[in-house]
Amino acid sequence: MAEAEAPPAGPPWDSPIGEAPLVVVDLEMTGLRVQEDRVLELCLERGVGGRVEDKLSSLVRPEDRAFGNAHIHGIDP
């Protein structure tokens, strides 16, 4: 396996964490069992320095009505 290259010098790689662009990913799941449960919702937030610059949220295959654990994630039919 080839060795991974280091990122190029300069921003955003060398920026202080408070200035670096970051994306946070959140998955809402029907449960915690990898073999049986699935993703219900995908949420992404892009931010810089504590400011949210953009958001994306989408249900994933909501048509099969398998919502599981709605009392935790709040997603129901």
PDB file of N, CA and C in Angstrom:
ATOM      1  N   MET A   1       0.839  -1.176   0.000  1.00  0.00           N
ATOM      2  CA  MET A   1       0.000   0.000   0.000  1.00  0.00           C
ATOM      3  C   MET A   1       0.888   1.245   0.000  1.00  0.00           C
ATOM      4  N   ALA A   2       0.560   2.208  -0.820  1.00  0.00           N
ATOM      5  CA  ALA A   2       1.345   3.436  -0.916  1.00  0.00           C
ATOM      6  C   ALA A   2       1.148   4.307   0.312  1.00  0.00           C
ATOM      7  N   GLU A   3       2.202   5.001   0.679  1.00  0.00           N
ATOM      8  CA  GLU A   3       2.122   5.904   1.821  1.00  0.00           C
ATOM      9  C   GLU A   3       1.307   7.142   1.443  1.00  0.00           C
ATOM     10  N   ALA A   4       0.445   7.595   2.346  1.00  0.00           N
ATOM     11  CA  ALA A   4      -0.394   8.768   2.088  1.00  0.00           C
ATOM     12  C   ALA A   4       0.464  10.026   2.063  1.00  0.00           C
ATOM     13  N   GLU A   5       0.137  10.935   1.153  1.00  0.00           N
ATOM     14  CA  GLU A   5       0.848  12.199   1.076  1.00  0.00           C
ATOM     15  C   GLU A   5       0.336  13.152   2.153  1.00  0.00           C
ATOM     16  N   ALA A   6       1.227  13.982   2.643  1.00  0.00           N
ATOM     17  CA  ALA A   6       0.828  15.018   3.597  1.00  0.00           C
ATOM     18  C   ALA A   6       0.047  16.093   2.842  1.00  0.00           C
ATOM     19  N   PRO A   7      -0.909  16.755   3.500  1.00  0.00           N
ATOM     20  CA  PRO A   7      -1.635  17.839   2.819  1.00  0.00           C
ATOM     21  C   PRO A   7      -0.675  18.977   2.480  1.00  0.00           C
ATOM     22  N   PRO A   8      -1.009  19.775   1.487  1.00  0.00           N
ATOM     23  CA  PRO A   8      -0.136  20.891   1.121  1.00  0.00           C
ATOM     24  C   PRO A   8      -0.061  21.926   2.249  1.00  0.00           C
ATOM     25  N   ALA A   9       1.035  22.625   2.298  1.00  0.00           N
ATOM     26  CA  ALA A   9       1.199  23.671   3.316  1.00  0.00           C
ATOM     27  C   ALA A   9       0.260  24.836   3.032  1.00  0.00           C
ATOM     28  N   GLY A  10      -0.161  25.518   4.074  1.00  0.00           N
ATOM     29  CA  GLY A  10      -1.029  26.682   3.921  1.00  0.00           C
ATOM     30  C   GLY A  10      -2.461  26.386   4.305  1.00  0.00           C
ATOM     31  N   PRO A  11      -3.322  27.417   4.237  1.00  0.00           N
ATOM     32  CA  PRO A  11      -4.715  27.245   4.610  1.00  0.00           C
ATOM     33  C   PRO A  11      -5.425  26.304   3.653  1.00  0.00           C
ATOM     34  N   PRO A  12      -6.412  25.551   4.071  1.00  0.00           N
ATOM     35  CA  PRO A  12      -6.949  25.513   5.430  1.00  0.00           C
ATOM     36  C   PRO A  12      -6.201  24.572   6.359  1.00  0.00           C
ATOM     37  N   TRP A  13      -5.241  23.816   5.834  1.00  0.00           N
ATOM     38  CA  TRP A  13      -4.566  22.777   6.619  1.00  0.00           C
ATOM     39  C   TRP A  13      -3.804  23.336   7.801  1.00  0.00           C
ATOM     40  N   ASP A  14      -3.221  24.496   7.677  1.00  0.00           N
ATOM     41  CA  ASP A  14      -2.415  25.068   8.750  1.00  0.00           C
ATOM     42  C   ASP A  14      -3.156  26.138   9.551  1.00  0.00           C
ATOM     43  N   SER A  15      -4.427  26.329   9.270  1.00  0.00           N
ATOM     44  CA  SER A  15      -5.210  27.349   9.978  1.00  0.00           C
ATOM     45  C   SER A  15      -5.476  26.921  11.415  1.00  0.00           C
ATOM     46  N   PRO A  16      -5.545  27.867  12.342  1.00  0.00           N
ATOM     47  CA  PRO A  16      -5.971  27.536  13.708  1.00  0.00           C
ATOM     48  C   PRO A  16      -7.387  26.945  13.653  1.00  0.00           C
ATOM     49  N   ILE A  17      -7.698  26.069  14.566  1.00  0.00           N
ATOM     50  CA  ILE A  17      -8.989  25.370  14.536  1.00  0.00           C
ATOM     51  C   ILE A  17     -10.157  26.353  14.505  1.00  0.00           C
ATOM     52  N   GLY A  18     -10.046  27.493  15.141  1.00  0.00           N
ATOM     53  CA  GLY A  18     -11.121  28.482  15.144  1.00  0.00           C
ATOM     54  C   GLY A  18     -11.337  29.180  13.813  1.00  0.00           C
ATOM     55  N   GLU A  19     -10.398  29.002  12.881  1.00  0.00           N
ATOM     56  CA  GLU A  19     -10.506  29.627  11.563  1.00  0.00           C
ATOM     57  C   GLU A  19     -10.643  28.602  10.436  1.00  0.00           C
ATOM     58  N   ALA A  20     -10.479  27.335  10.752  1.00  0.00           N
ATOM     59  CA  ALA A  20     -10.513  26.287   9.728  1.00  0.00           C
ATOM     60  C   ALA A  20     -11.953  25.947   9.342  1.00  0.00           C
ATOM     61  N   PRO A  21     -12.224  25.748   8.055  1.00  0.00           N
ATOM     62  CA  PRO A  21     -13.560  25.306   7.643  1.00  0.00           C
ATOM     63  C   PRO A  21     -13.744  23.843   8.052  1.00  0.00           C
ATOM     64  N   LEU A  22     -14.866  23.550   8.703  1.00  0.00           N
ATOM     65  CA  LEU A  22     -15.157  22.202   9.179  1.00  0.00           C
ATOM     66  C   LEU A  22     -16.552  21.788   8.738  1.00  0.00           C
ATOM     67  N   VAL A  23     -16.749  20.491   8.566  1.00  0.00           N
ATOM     68  CA  VAL A  23     -18.076  19.940   8.306  1.00  0.00           C
ATOM     69  C   VAL A  23     -18.373  18.911   9.380  1.00  0.00           C
ATOM     70  N   VAL A  24     -19.534  19.038  10.014  1.00  0.00           N
ATOM     71  CA  VAL A  24     -19.986  18.096  11.023  1.00  0.00           C
ATOM     72  C   VAL A  24     -21.053  17.225  10.381  1.00  0.00           C
ATOM     73  N   VAL A  25     -20.930  15.904  10.561  1.00  0.00           N
ATOM     74  CA  VAL A  25     -21.881  14.953   9.994  1.00  0.00           C
ATOM     75  C   VAL A  25     -22.627  14.282  11.131  1.00  0.00           C
ATOM     76  N   ASP A  26     -23.958  14.234  11.029  1.00  0.00           N
ATOM     77  CA  ASP A  26     -24.803  13.578  12.026  1.00  0.00           C
ATOM     78  C   ASP A  26     -25.706  12.594  11.296  1.00  0.00           C
ATOM     79  N   LEU A  27     -25.727  11.357  11.761  1.00  0.00           N
ATOM     80  CA  LEU A  27     -26.608  10.336  11.203  1.00  0.00           C
ATOM     81  C   LEU A  27     -27.630   9.939  12.245  1.00  0.00           C
ATOM     82  N   GLU A  28     -28.896   9.961  11.878  1.00  0.00           N
ATOM     83  CA  GLU A  28     -29.947   9.421  12.747  1.00  0.00           C
ATOM     84  C   GLU A  28     -30.217   8.003  12.266  1.00  0.00           C
ATOM     85  N   MET A  29     -30.201   7.060  13.193  1.00  0.00           N
ATOM     86  CA  MET A  29     -30.297   5.640  12.861  1.00  0.00           C
ATOM     87  C   MET A  29     -31.541   5.009  13.493  1.00  0.00           C
ATOM     88  N   THR A  30     -31.965   3.874  12.946  1.00  0.00           N
ATOM     89  CA  THR A  30     -33.078   3.136  13.547  1.00  0.00           C
ATOM     90  C   THR A  30     -32.627   2.396  14.795  1.00  0.00           C
ATOM     91  N   GLY A  31     -31.341   2.209  14.981  1.00  0.00           N
ATOM     92  CA  GLY A  31     -30.786   1.528  16.148  1.00  0.00           C
ATOM     93  C   GLY A  31     -29.280   1.467  16.029  1.00  0.00           C
ATOM     94  N   LEU A  32     -28.644   0.635  16.861  1.00  0.00           N
ATOM     95  CA  LEU A  32     -27.189   0.551  16.894  1.00  0.00           C
ATOM     96  C   LEU A  32     -26.635  -0.751  16.327  1.00  0.00           C
ATOM     97  N   ARG A  33     -27.491  -1.637  15.833  1.00  0.00           N
ATOM     98  CA  ARG A  33     -27.050  -2.924  15.296  1.00  0.00           C
ATOM     99  C   ARG A  33     -26.734  -2.778  13.805  1.00  0.00           C
ATOM    100  N   VAL A  34     -25.472  -2.840  13.462  1.00  0.00           N
ATOM    101  CA  VAL A  34     -25.019  -2.616  12.090  1.00  0.00           C
ATOM    102  C   VAL A  34     -25.676  -3.589  11.109  1.00  0.00           C
ATOM    103  N   GLN A  35     -25.855  -4.821  11.506  1.00  0.00           N
ATOM    104  CA  GLN A  35     -26.409  -5.833  10.611  1.00  0.00           C
ATOM    105  C   GLN A  35     -27.911  -5.648  10.356  1.00  0.00           C
ATOM    106  N   GLU A  36     -28.626  -4.995  11.281  1.00  0.00           N
ATOM    107  CA  GLU A  36     -30.083  -4.928  11.186  1.00  0.00           C
ATOM    108  C   GLU A  36     -30.643  -3.516  11.008  1.00  0.00           C
ATOM    109  N   ASP A  37     -29.983  -2.520  11.547  1.00  0.00           N
ATOM    110  CA  ASP A  37     -30.520  -1.159  11.536  1.00  0.00           C
ATOM    111  C   ASP A  37     -29.957  -0.357  10.372  1.00  0.00           C
ATOM    112  N   ARG A  38     -30.532   0.814  10.140  1.00  0.00           N
ATOM    113  CA  ARG A  38     -30.117   1.617   8.985  1.00  0.00           C
ATOM    114  C   ARG A  38     -30.196   3.108   9.296  1.00  0.00           C
ATOM    115  N   VAL A  39     -29.645   3.886   8.387  1.00  0.00           N
ATOM    116  CA  VAL A  39     -29.665   5.344   8.497  1.00  0.00           C
ATOM    117  C   VAL A  39     -31.052   5.847   8.114  1.00  0.00           C
ATOM    118  N   LEU A  40     -31.611   6.757   8.919  1.00  0.00           N
ATOM    119  CA  LEU A  40     -32.898   7.398   8.623  1.00  0.00           C
ATOM    120  C   LEU A  40     -32.719   8.806   8.072  1.00  0.00           C
ATOM    121  N   GLU A  41     -31.732   9.514   8.613  1.00  0.00           N
ATOM    122  CA  GLU A  41     -31.536  10.906   8.225  1.00  0.00           C
ATOM    123  C   GLU A  41     -30.045  11.233   8.231  1.00  0.00           C
ATOM    124  N   LEU A  42     -29.648  12.046   7.275  1.00  0.00           N
ATOM    125  CA  LEU A  42     -28.279  12.531   7.159  1.00  0.00           C
ATOM    126  C   LEU A  42     -28.321  14.044   7.323  1.00  0.00           C
ATOM    127  N   CYS A  43     -27.492  14.572   8.209  1.00  0.00           N
ATOM    128  CA  CYS A  43     -27.417  16.018   8.424  1.00  0.00           C
ATOM    129  C   CYS A  43     -25.960  16.453   8.347  1.00  0.00           C
ATOM    130  N   LEU A  44     -25.702  17.538   7.621  1.00  0.00           N
ATOM    131  CA  LEU A  44     -24.363  18.102   7.500  1.00  0.00           C
ATOM    132  C   LEU A  44     -24.436  19.586   7.807  1.00  0.00           C
ATOM    133  N   GLU A  45     -23.448  20.095   8.536  1.00  0.00           N
ATOM    134  CA  GLU A  45     -23.330  21.528   8.773  1.00  0.00           C
ATOM    135  C   GLU A  45     -21.897  21.928   8.492  1.00  0.00           C
ATOM    136  N   ARG A  46     -21.722  22.941   7.645  1.00  0.00           N
ATOM    137  CA  ARG A  46     -20.395  23.477   7.326  1.00  0.00           C
ATOM    138  C   ARG A  46     -20.249  24.801   8.057  1.00  0.00           C
ATOM    139  N   GLY A  47     -19.122  24.927   8.743  1.00  0.00           N
ATOM    140  CA  GLY A  47     -18.919  26.147   9.497  1.00  0.00           C
ATOM    141  C   GLY A  47     -17.472  26.574   9.537  1.00  0.00           C
ATOM    142  N   VAL A  48     -17.266  27.829   9.917  1.00  0.00           N
ATOM    143  CA  VAL A  48     -15.928  28.391  10.103  1.00  0.00           C
ATOM    144  C   VAL A  48     -15.984  29.267  11.348  1.00  0.00           C
ATOM    145  N   GLY A  49     -15.082  29.031  12.276  1.00  0.00           N
ATOM    146  CA  GLY A  49     -14.982  29.879  13.464  1.00  0.00           C
ATOM    147  C   GLY A  49     -16.255  29.970  14.278  1.00  0.00           C
ATOM    148  N   GLY A  50     -16.996  28.889  14.413  1.00  0.00           N
ATOM    149  CA  GLY A  50     -18.215  28.889  15.204  1.00  0.00           C
ATOM    150  C   GLY A  50     -19.447  29.392  14.471  1.00  0.00           C
ATOM    151  N   ARG A  51     -19.305  29.829  13.213  1.00  0.00           N
ATOM    152  CA  ARG A  51     -20.439  30.286  12.399  1.00  0.00           C
ATOM    153  C   ARG A  51     -20.859  29.163  11.459  1.00  0.00           C
ATOM    154  N   VAL A  52     -22.135  28.843  11.435  1.00  0.00           N
ATOM    155  CA  VAL A  52     -22.646  27.874  10.478  1.00  0.00           C
ATOM    156  C   VAL A  52     -22.854  28.593   9.153  1.00  0.00           C
ATOM    157  N   GLU A  53     -22.198  28.118   8.100  1.00  0.00           N
ATOM    158  CA  GLU A  53     -22.288  28.753   6.786  1.00  0.00           C
ATOM    159  C   GLU A  53     -23.282  28.070   5.857  1.00  0.00           C
ATOM    160  N   ASP A  54     -23.494  26.779   6.064  1.00  0.00           N
ATOM    161  CA  ASP A  54     -24.423  26.050   5.203  1.00  0.00           C
ATOM    162  C   ASP A  54     -24.877  24.792   5.914  1.00  0.00           C
ATOM    163  N   LYS A  55     -26.083  24.315   5.564  1.00  0.00           N
ATOM    164  CA  LYS A  55     -26.652  23.113   6.172  1.00  0.00           C
ATOM    165  C   LYS A  55     -27.305  22.252   5.104  1.00  0.00           C
ATOM    166  N   LEU A  56     -27.308  20.958   5.351  1.00  0.00           N
ATOM    167  CA  LEU A  56     -28.029  20.013   4.507  1.00  0.00           C
ATOM    168  C   LEU A  56     -28.606  18.950   5.412  1.00  0.00           C
ATOM    169  N   SER A  57     -29.877  18.637   5.220  1.00  0.00           N
ATOM    170  CA  SER A  57     -30.536  17.584   5.987  1.00  0.00           C
ATOM    171  C   SER A  57     -31.461  16.852   5.040  1.00  0.00           C
ATOM    172  N   SER A  58     -31.401  15.528   5.071  1.00  0.00           N
ATOM    173  CA  SER A  58     -32.232  14.747   4.159  1.00  0.00           C
ATOM    174  C   SER A  58     -32.628  13.421   4.796  1.00  0.00           C
ATOM    175  N   LEU A  59     -33.894  13.058   4.642  1.00  0.00           N
ATOM    176  CA  LEU A  59     -34.323  11.726   5.034  1.00  0.00           C
ATOM    177  C   LEU A  59     -33.750  10.736   4.031  1.00  0.00           C
ATOM    178  N   VAL A  60     -33.465   9.526   4.509  1.00  0.00           N
ATOM    179  CA  VAL A  60     -32.904   8.483   3.669  1.00  0.00           C
ATOM    180  C   VAL A  60     -33.903   7.340   3.604  1.00  0.00           C
ATOM    181  N   ARG A  61     -34.414   7.061   2.418  1.00  0.00           N
ATOM    182  CA  ARG A  61     -35.391   5.991   2.192  1.00  0.00           C
ATOM    183  C   ARG A  61     -36.542   6.010   3.203  1.00  0.00           C
ATOM    184  N   PRO A  62     -37.252   7.100   3.373  1.00  0.00           N
ATOM    185  CA  PRO A  62     -38.332   7.134   4.362  1.00  0.00           C
ATOM    186  C   PRO A  62     -39.547   6.301   3.949  1.00  0.00           C
ATOM    187  N   GLU A  63     -39.595   5.875   2.695  1.00  0.00           N
ATOM    188  CA  GLU A  63     -40.798   5.192   2.208  1.00  0.00           C
ATOM    189  C   GLU A  63     -41.025   3.807   2.807  1.00  0.00           C
ATOM    190  N   ASP A  64     -40.015   3.166   3.380  1.00  0.00           N
ATOM    191  CA  ASP A  64     -40.243   1.806   3.879  1.00  0.00           C
ATOM    192  C   ASP A  64     -40.849   1.765   5.279  1.00  0.00           C
ATOM    193  N   ARG A  65     -41.068   2.922   5.876  1.00  0.00           N
ATOM    194  CA  ARG A  65     -41.761   3.061   7.167  1.00  0.00           C
ATOM    195  C   ARG A  65     -41.038   2.381   8.331  1.00  0.00           C
ATOM    196  N   ALA A  66     -39.764   2.093   8.218  1.00  0.00           N
ATOM    197  CA  ALA A  66     -38.992   1.501   9.314  1.00  0.00           C
ATOM    198  C   ALA A  66     -38.342   2.633  10.099  1.00  0.00           C
ATOM    199  N   PHE A  67     -39.060   3.190  11.061  1.00  0.00           N
ATOM    200  CA  PHE A  67     -38.558   4.354  11.770  1.00  0.00           C
ATOM    201  C   PHE A  67     -37.830   4.004  13.057  1.00  0.00           C
ATOM    202  N   GLY A  68     -38.154   2.905  13.697  1.00  0.00           N
ATOM    203  CA  GLY A  68     -37.463   2.464  14.900  1.00  0.00           C
ATOM    204  C   GLY A  68     -37.040   3.585  15.844  1.00  0.00           C
ATOM    205  N   ASN A  69     -37.089   3.380  17.118  1.00  0.00           N
ATOM    206  CA  ASN A  69     -36.588   4.300  18.145  1.00  0.00           C
ATOM    207  C   ASN A  69     -36.965   5.772  17.956  1.00  0.00           C
ATOM    208  N   ALA A  70     -38.175   6.025  17.507  1.00  0.00           N
ATOM    209  CA  ALA A  70     -38.636   7.411  17.301  1.00  0.00           C
ATOM    210  C   ALA A  70     -38.574   8.198  18.602  1.00  0.00           C
ATOM    211  N   HIS A  71     -38.663   7.525  19.735  1.00  0.00           N
ATOM    212  CA  HIS A  71     -38.593   8.220  21.027  1.00  0.00           C
ATOM    213  C   HIS A  71     -37.206   8.834  21.259  1.00  0.00           C
ATOM    214  N   ILE A  72     -36.188   8.378  20.527  1.00  0.00           N
ATOM    215  CA  ILE A  72     -34.844   8.925  20.658  1.00  0.00           C
ATOM    216  C   ILE A  72     -34.571   9.988  19.601  1.00  0.00           C
ATOM    217  N   HIS A  73     -34.812   9.669  18.322  1.00  0.00           N
ATOM    218  CA  HIS A  73     -34.445  10.588  17.243  1.00  0.00           C
ATOM    219  C   HIS A  73     -35.588  11.505  16.805  1.00  0.00           C
ATOM    220  N   GLY A  74     -36.813  11.227  17.211  1.00  0.00           N
ATOM    221  CA  GLY A  74     -37.938  12.122  16.907  1.00  0.00           C
ATOM    222  C   GLY A  74     -38.466  12.040  15.486  1.00  0.00           C
ATOM    223  N   ILE A  75     -37.998  11.064  14.699  1.00  0.00           N
ATOM    224  CA  ILE A  75     -38.465  10.906  13.324  1.00  0.00           C
ATOM    225  C   ILE A  75     -39.535   9.817  13.327  1.00  0.00           C
ATOM    226  N   ASP A  76     -40.744  10.200  12.950  1.00  0.00           N
ATOM    227  CA  ASP A  76     -41.824   9.212  12.910  1.00  0.00           C
ATOM    228  C   ASP A  76     -42.639   9.415  11.625  1.00  0.00           C
ATOM    229  N   PRO A  77     -43.546   8.464  11.329  1.00  0.00           N
ATOM    230  CA  PRO A  77     -44.322   8.587  10.084  1.00  0.00           C
ATOM    231  C   PRO A  77     -45.058   9.905   9.986  1.00  0.00           C
TER     232      PRO A  77
END
